[in-house]
Amino acid sequence: MKLTHRTILLVTGGVSALALLAGAAFLFKMPPFEQEGAIEASEVCASLGTSSSAAEALREVLPAESSYSFDDDVTPRVDAADAGYESACFVSGGGEQLLVADVRLMADEEAESWTEWVRGTAASDASVTSLTPFPGGKKAVASGRFAAVFVPCTSAGHIPGGQYNLSISVELKKPGDAGAAANRAELIKLATNAASFAHTEAKCDLGR
């Protein structure tokens, strides 16, 4: 078939237009050229503990987003008689909350009682339907979406009510591509790292 000059111009013009659109999409990071945001150790919440380890774990469990934001809120413990230590780290991306890590100082209680209580703090029942134990503190449980550990902190005689412990939980609200087993391992890492940070910051006198 013989192509006319007009047909050739139309074809080449269409190809050029598509190339321009693709170039614009790349420049403005439109799909499918949207770049994945980086999780830098220097930007993660301090309350998650060692920043390099926390950043590595977050890269494994979080979904790919063009950018991530971290909001860290820590209420320090003033002295040995203060029962007010708590912290919260919120990780967001793509306009959604992706992960929440929560730490609070609370009166000691039976391990099973604490487990039921911390299970109730999850935003989604699906996060805590398959909790199984792991070694850590007085009690520690985790699933592919949630990890929590109950760590001894202050001995009796400092705060009214007896011994106080730190309750640490990490909930993955929106997982990435890693499987449940891999997510569970990384959430345990995040929870234990946060426990280590909190144990120091909360001026604990009992071993973990």
C-alpha atoms as a PDB file:
ATOM      1  CA  MET A   1       0.000   0.000   0.000  1.00  0.00           C
ATOM      2  CA  LYS A   2       1.376   3.381  -0.985  1.00  0.00           C
ATOM      3  CA  LEU A   3       1.309   5.961   1.771  1.00  0.00           C
ATOM      4  CA  THR A   4       0.466   9.505   0.810  1.00  0.00           C
ATOM      5  CA  HIS A   5       2.467  12.447   2.091  1.00  0.00           C
ATOM      6  CA  ARG A   6      -0.508  13.480   4.230  1.00  0.00           C
ATOM      7  CA  THR A   7      -0.780   9.999   5.803  1.00  0.00           C
ATOM      8  CA  ILE A   8       2.919   9.994   6.640  1.00  0.00           C
ATOM      9  CA  LEU A   9       2.606  13.396   8.280  1.00  0.00           C
ATOM     10  CA  LEU A  10      -0.364  12.229  10.339  1.00  0.00           C
ATOM     11  CA  VAL A  11       1.437   9.079  11.490  1.00  0.00           C
ATOM     12  CA  THR A  12       4.658  10.856  12.368  1.00  0.00           C
ATOM     13  CA  GLY A  13       2.698  13.619  14.066  1.00  0.00           C
ATOM     14  CA  GLY A  14       0.839  11.095  16.204  1.00  0.00           C
ATOM     15  CA  VAL A  15       4.083   9.361  17.189  1.00  0.00           C
ATOM     16  CA  SER A  16       5.635  12.706  18.104  1.00  0.00           C
ATOM     17  CA  ALA A  17       2.626  13.617  20.223  1.00  0.00           C
ATOM     18  CA  LEU A  18       2.824  10.311  22.084  1.00  0.00           C
ATOM     19  CA  ALA A  19       6.530  10.840  22.681  1.00  0.00           C
ATOM     20  CA  LEU A  20       5.855  14.319  24.065  1.00  0.00           C
ATOM     21  CA  LEU A  21       3.148  12.970  26.368  1.00  0.00           C
ATOM     22  CA  ALA A  22       5.446  10.213  27.615  1.00  0.00           C
ATOM     23  CA  GLY A  23       8.189  12.754  28.228  1.00  0.00           C
ATOM     24  CA  ALA A  24       5.831  14.995  30.165  1.00  0.00           C
ATOM     25  CA  ALA A  25       4.596  12.052  32.239  1.00  0.00           C
ATOM     26  CA  PHE A  26       8.179  11.170  33.112  1.00  0.00           C
ATOM     27  CA  LEU A  27       9.094  14.751  34.025  1.00  0.00           C
ATOM     28  CA  PHE A  28       6.018  15.239  36.201  1.00  0.00           C
ATOM     29  CA  LYS A  29       6.252  11.733  37.708  1.00  0.00           C
ATOM     30  CA  MET A  30       2.860  10.649  36.369  1.00  0.00           C
ATOM     31  CA  PRO A  31       2.058   6.901  36.141  1.00  0.00           C
ATOM     32  CA  PRO A  32       3.729   4.707  35.005  1.00  0.00           C
ATOM     33  CA  PHE A  33       6.830   6.879  35.555  1.00  0.00           C
ATOM     34  CA  GLU A  34       6.082   7.859  39.156  1.00  0.00           C
ATOM     35  CA  GLN A  35       9.258   7.387  41.191  1.00  0.00           C
ATOM     36  CA  GLU A  36       9.252   5.427  44.447  1.00  0.00           C
ATOM     37  CA  GLY A  37      10.099   7.517  47.492  1.00  0.00           C
ATOM     38  CA  ALA A  38      13.144   6.696  49.587  1.00  0.00           C
ATOM     39  CA  ILE A  39      13.020   5.907  53.303  1.00  0.00           C
ATOM     40  CA  GLU A  40      16.063   7.623  54.768  1.00  0.00           C
ATOM     41  CA  ALA A  41      17.390   6.603  58.175  1.00  0.00           C
ATOM     42  CA  SER A  42      17.770  10.267  59.115  1.00  0.00           C
ATOM     43  CA  GLU A  43      14.017  10.850  58.637  1.00  0.00           C
ATOM     44  CA  VAL A  44      12.452   7.942  60.562  1.00  0.00           C
ATOM     45  CA  CYS A  45      10.960   8.445  64.020  1.00  0.00           C
ATOM     46  CA  ALA A  46      13.555   8.533  66.784  1.00  0.00           C
ATOM     47  CA  SER A  47      11.177   6.500  68.966  1.00  0.00           C
ATOM     48  CA  LEU A  48      11.648   3.519  66.616  1.00  0.00           C
ATOM     49  CA  GLY A  49      15.171   3.092  67.977  1.00  0.00           C
ATOM     50  CA  THR A  50      18.312   2.584  65.903  1.00  0.00           C
ATOM     51  CA  SER A  51      17.522   4.568  62.758  1.00  0.00           C
ATOM     52  CA  SER A  52      19.374   2.368  60.250  1.00  0.00           C
ATOM     53  CA  SER A  53      17.677  -0.790  61.521  1.00  0.00           C
ATOM     54  CA  ALA A  54      14.257   0.895  61.632  1.00  0.00           C
ATOM     55  CA  ALA A  55      14.635   2.260  58.092  1.00  0.00           C
ATOM     56  CA  GLU A  56      15.633  -1.168  56.785  1.00  0.00           C
ATOM     57  CA  ALA A  57      12.590  -2.796  58.394  1.00  0.00           C
ATOM     58  CA  LEU A  58      10.249  -0.102  57.081  1.00  0.00           C
ATOM     59  CA  ARG A  59      11.550  -0.553  53.528  1.00  0.00           C
ATOM     60  CA  GLU A  60      10.641  -4.233  53.782  1.00  0.00           C
ATOM     61  CA  VAL A  61       7.094  -3.893  55.102  1.00  0.00           C
ATOM     62  CA  LEU A  62       5.722  -0.667  53.620  1.00  0.00           C
ATOM     63  CA  PRO A  63       4.077  -0.408  50.199  1.00  0.00           C
ATOM     64  CA  ALA A  64       5.801   1.574  47.442  1.00  0.00           C
ATOM     65  CA  GLU A  65       4.814   5.241  47.574  1.00  0.00           C
ATOM     66  CA  SER A  66       6.190   8.350  45.890  1.00  0.00           C
ATOM     67  CA  SER A  67       7.036   9.823  49.307  1.00  0.00           C
ATOM     68  CA  TYR A  68       6.817   9.029  53.011  1.00  0.00           C
ATOM     69  CA  SER A  69       6.297  11.204  56.058  1.00  0.00           C
ATOM     70  CA  PHE A  70       7.099  10.537  59.702  1.00  0.00           C
ATOM     71  CA  ASP A  71       5.420  12.140  62.709  1.00  0.00           C
ATOM     72  CA  ASP A  72       6.998  11.397  66.091  1.00  0.00           C
ATOM     73  CA  ASP A  73       5.427  12.475  69.385  1.00  0.00           C
ATOM     74  CA  VAL A  74       7.261  11.622  72.613  1.00  0.00           C
ATOM     75  CA  THR A  75       6.149  12.585  76.125  1.00  0.00           C
ATOM     76  CA  PRO A  76       9.249  12.150  78.318  1.00  0.00           C
ATOM     77  CA  ARG A  77       9.259  10.792  81.852  1.00  0.00           C
ATOM     78  CA  VAL A  78      10.274  13.628  84.163  1.00  0.00           C
ATOM     79  CA  ASP A  79      11.521  11.669  87.193  1.00  0.00           C
ATOM     80  CA  ALA A  80      11.377   8.269  88.918  1.00  0.00           C
ATOM     81  CA  ALA A  81       7.890   8.953  90.314  1.00  0.00           C
ATOM     82  CA  ASP A  82       6.410   9.980  86.959  1.00  0.00           C
ATOM     83  CA  ALA A  83       4.092   7.454  85.246  1.00  0.00           C
ATOM     84  CA  GLY A  84       3.489   9.590  82.146  1.00  0.00           C
ATOM     85  CA  TYR A  85       5.970   8.285  79.557  1.00  0.00           C
ATOM     86  CA  GLU A  86       4.496   7.584  76.115  1.00  0.00           C
ATOM     87  CA  SER A  87       5.354   7.930  72.441  1.00  0.00           C
ATOM     88  CA  ALA A  88       3.643   7.551  69.092  1.00  0.00           C
ATOM     89  CA  CYS A  89       5.173   7.292  65.621  1.00  0.00           C
ATOM     90  CA  PHE A  90       2.942   7.696  62.562  1.00  0.00           C
ATOM     91  CA  VAL A  91       4.226   6.742  59.109  1.00  0.00           C
ATOM     92  CA  SER A  92       2.207   7.956  56.115  1.00  0.00           C
ATOM     93  CA  GLY A  93       2.454   7.777  52.337  1.00  0.00           C
ATOM     94  CA  GLY A  94       0.165   8.269  49.351  1.00  0.00           C
ATOM     95  CA  GLY A  95      -2.290  10.193  51.507  1.00  0.00           C
ATOM     96  CA  GLU A  96      -2.773   7.234  53.883  1.00  0.00           C
ATOM     97  CA  GLN A  97      -1.512   6.192  57.287  1.00  0.00           C
ATOM     98  CA  LEU A  98       0.672   3.141  56.679  1.00  0.00           C
ATOM     99  CA  LEU A  99       2.077   2.208  60.097  1.00  0.00           C
ATOM    100  CA  VAL A 100       1.676   3.249  63.733  1.00  0.00           C
ATOM    101  CA  ALA A 101       4.012   2.495  66.624  1.00  0.00           C
ATOM    102  CA  ASP A 102       2.738   3.183  70.141  1.00  0.00           C
ATOM    103  CA  VAL A 103       4.573   3.054  73.494  1.00  0.00           C
ATOM    104  CA  ARG A 104       3.153   3.737  76.928  1.00  0.00           C
ATOM    105  CA  LEU A 105       4.151   3.214  80.545  1.00  0.00           C
ATOM    106  CA  MET A 106       1.470   1.338  82.474  1.00  0.00           C
ATOM    107  CA  ALA A 107       0.962  -0.649  85.660  1.00  0.00           C
ATOM    108  CA  ASP A 108       2.147  -4.251  85.575  1.00  0.00           C
ATOM    109  CA  GLU A 109      -0.515  -6.899  85.006  1.00  0.00           C
ATOM    110  CA  GLU A 110      -0.813 -10.560  84.115  1.00  0.00           C
ATOM    111  CA  ALA A 111       0.622 -11.425  80.709  1.00  0.00           C
ATOM    112  CA  GLU A 112      -2.636 -12.754  79.305  1.00  0.00           C
ATOM    113  CA  SER A 113      -4.585  -9.762  80.555  1.00  0.00           C
ATOM    114  CA  TRP A 114      -2.128  -7.414  78.831  1.00  0.00           C
ATOM    115  CA  THR A 115      -2.333  -9.469  75.631  1.00  0.00           C
ATOM    116  CA  GLU A 116      -6.098  -9.040  75.493  1.00  0.00           C
ATOM    117  CA  TRP A 117      -5.765  -5.327  76.207  1.00  0.00           C
ATOM    118  CA  VAL A 118      -3.101  -4.669  73.553  1.00  0.00           C
ATOM    119  CA  ARG A 119      -5.091  -6.712  71.033  1.00  0.00           C
ATOM    120  CA  GLY A 120      -7.932  -4.243  71.562  1.00  0.00           C
ATOM    121  CA  THR A 121      -5.700  -1.266  70.706  1.00  0.00           C
ATOM    122  CA  ALA A 122      -5.310  -2.390  67.073  1.00  0.00           C
ATOM    123  CA  ALA A 123      -7.119  -0.267  64.496  1.00  0.00           C
ATOM    124  CA  SER A 124      -8.159  -3.386  62.572  1.00  0.00           C
ATOM    125  CA  ASP A 125      -9.275  -6.757  63.944  1.00  0.00           C
ATOM    126  CA  ALA A 126      -7.541  -8.350  60.943  1.00  0.00           C
ATOM    127  CA  SER A 127      -4.192  -7.169  62.329  1.00  0.00           C
ATOM    128  CA  VAL A 128      -4.505  -9.279  65.482  1.00  0.00           C
ATOM    129  CA  THR A 129      -6.396 -12.406  64.409  1.00  0.00           C
ATOM    130  CA  SER A 130      -3.284 -14.596  64.192  1.00  0.00           C
ATOM    131  CA  LEU A 131      -1.022 -13.395  67.006  1.00  0.00           C
ATOM    132  CA  THR A 132       1.612 -15.890  68.130  1.00  0.00           C
ATOM    133  CA  PRO A 133       4.281 -15.493  70.851  1.00  0.00           C
ATOM    134  CA  PHE A 134       7.906 -14.526  70.323  1.00  0.00           C
ATOM    135  CA  PRO A 135      10.713 -14.157  72.918  1.00  0.00           C
ATOM    136  CA  GLY A 136      10.761 -10.735  74.556  1.00  0.00           C
ATOM    137  CA  GLY A 137      10.000  -9.005  77.844  1.00  0.00           C
ATOM    138  CA  LYS A 138       7.264 -10.386  80.086  1.00  0.00           C
ATOM    139  CA  LYS A 139       5.090 -11.187  77.071  1.00  0.00           C
ATOM    140  CA  ALA A 140       5.448 -10.639  73.327  1.00  0.00           C
ATOM    141  CA  VAL A 141       3.115 -11.502  70.434  1.00  0.00           C
ATOM    142  CA  ALA A 142       3.103 -10.827  66.705  1.00  0.00           C
ATOM    143  CA  SER A 143       1.340 -11.469  63.404  1.00  0.00           C
ATOM    144  CA  GLY A 144       2.019 -10.351  59.856  1.00  0.00           C
ATOM    145  CA  ARG A 145       0.335  -7.014  60.642  1.00  0.00           C
ATOM    146  CA  PHE A 146       0.993  -6.413  64.355  1.00  0.00           C
ATOM    147  CA  ALA A 147       3.756  -6.863  66.941  1.00  0.00           C
ATOM    148  CA  ALA A 148       3.662  -6.018  70.642  1.00  0.00           C
ATOM    149  CA  VAL A 149       5.895  -6.548  73.667  1.00  0.00           C
ATOM    150  CA  PHE A 150       5.344  -5.930  77.400  1.00  0.00           C
ATOM    151  CA  VAL A 151       8.656  -4.916  79.003  1.00  0.00           C
ATOM    152  CA  PRO A 152       9.381  -4.458  82.753  1.00  0.00           C
ATOM    153  CA  CYS A 153      10.421  -0.881  83.487  1.00  0.00           C
ATOM    154  CA  THR A 154      10.157   0.509  87.043  1.00  0.00           C
ATOM    155  CA  SER A 155      10.365  -1.507  90.223  1.00  0.00           C
ATOM    156  CA  ALA A 156       7.761  -1.186  92.977  1.00  0.00           C
ATOM    157  CA  GLY A 157       8.229   1.732  95.358  1.00  0.00           C
ATOM    158  CA  HIS A 158       8.851   4.455  92.766  1.00  0.00           C
ATOM    159  CA  ILE A 159       5.413   4.987  91.231  1.00  0.00           C
ATOM    160  CA  PRO A 160       2.256   4.459  93.335  1.00  0.00           C
ATOM    161  CA  GLY A 161       0.670   1.135  92.415  1.00  0.00           C
ATOM    162  CA  GLY A 162       3.757  -1.053  92.294  1.00  0.00           C
ATOM    163  CA  GLN A 163       5.785  -2.158  89.273  1.00  0.00           C
ATOM    164  CA  TYR A 164       5.269  -0.445  85.925  1.00  0.00           C
ATOM    165  CA  ASN A 165       6.002  -1.852  82.468  1.00  0.00           C
ATOM    166  CA  LEU A 166       6.319  -0.472  78.968  1.00  0.00           C
ATOM    167  CA  SER A 167       3.744  -1.628  76.423  1.00  0.00           C
ATOM    168  CA  ILE A 168       5.065  -1.348  72.862  1.00  0.00           C
ATOM    169  CA  SER A 169       2.976  -2.085  69.775  1.00  0.00           C
ATOM    170  CA  VAL A 170       3.520  -1.662  66.042  1.00  0.00           C
ATOM    171  CA  GLU A 171       0.638  -2.017  63.578  1.00  0.00           C
ATOM    172  CA  LEU A 172       1.114  -2.243  59.816  1.00  0.00           C
ATOM    173  CA  LYS A 173      -2.069  -0.695  58.437  1.00  0.00           C
ATOM    174  CA  LYS A 174      -1.189  -1.075  54.761  1.00  0.00           C
ATOM    175  CA  PRO A 175       1.370  -3.793  53.884  1.00  0.00           C
ATOM    176  CA  GLY A 176       3.653  -3.875  50.894  1.00  0.00           C
ATOM    177  CA  ASP A 177       4.530  -6.864  48.729  1.00  0.00           C
ATOM    178  CA  ALA A 178       6.379  -8.930  51.351  1.00  0.00           C
ATOM    179  CA  GLY A 179       4.536 -11.966  52.715  1.00  0.00           C
ATOM    180  CA  ALA A 180       3.091 -12.327  56.203  1.00  0.00           C
ATOM    181  CA  ALA A 181       6.107 -14.209  57.571  1.00  0.00           C
ATOM    182  CA  ALA A 182       8.565 -11.567  56.344  1.00  0.00           C
ATOM    183  CA  ASN A 183       6.352  -8.760  57.649  1.00  0.00           C
ATOM    184  CA  ARG A 184       6.094 -10.445  61.057  1.00  0.00           C
ATOM    185  CA  ALA A 185       9.888 -10.669  61.356  1.00  0.00           C
ATOM    186  CA  GLU A 186      10.350  -7.000  60.478  1.00  0.00           C
ATOM    187  CA  LEU A 187       7.540  -5.836  62.778  1.00  0.00           C
ATOM    188  CA  ILE A 188       9.172  -7.752  65.634  1.00  0.00           C
ATOM    189  CA  LYS A 189      12.410  -5.923  64.819  1.00  0.00           C
ATOM    190  CA  LEU A 190      10.611  -2.576  64.924  1.00  0.00           C
ATOM    191  CA  ALA A 191       8.848  -3.401  68.202  1.00  0.00           C
ATOM    192  CA  THR A 192      12.011  -4.582  69.957  1.00  0.00           C
ATOM    193  CA  ASN A 193      13.995  -1.594  68.661  1.00  0.00           C
ATOM    194  CA  ALA A 194      11.292   0.758  69.951  1.00  0.00           C
ATOM    195  CA  ALA A 195      11.339  -1.097  73.282  1.00  0.00           C
ATOM    196  CA  SER A 196      15.087  -0.596  73.595  1.00  0.00           C
ATOM    197  CA  PHE A 197      14.762   3.139  72.893  1.00  0.00           C
ATOM    198  CA  ALA A 198      11.852   3.550  75.311  1.00  0.00           C
ATOM    199  CA  HIS A 199      13.559   1.549  78.071  1.00  0.00           C
ATOM    200  CA  THR A 200      16.393   4.077  78.095  1.00  0.00           C
ATOM    201  CA  GLU A 201      14.296   7.201  77.573  1.00  0.00           C
ATOM    202  CA  ALA A 202      11.774   6.197  80.260  1.00  0.00           C
ATOM    203  CA  LYS A 203      14.570   5.867  82.835  1.00  0.00           C
ATOM    204  CA  CYS A 204      13.689   2.236  83.565  1.00  0.00           C
ATOM    205  CA  ASP A 205      15.502   0.510  86.438  1.00  0.00           C
ATOM    206  CA  LEU A 206      14.413  -3.079  85.673  1.00  0.00           C
ATOM    207  CA  GLY A 207      16.098  -5.225  83.036  1.00  0.00           C
ATOM    208  CA  ARG A 208      14.286  -6.029  79.786  1.00  0.00           C
END
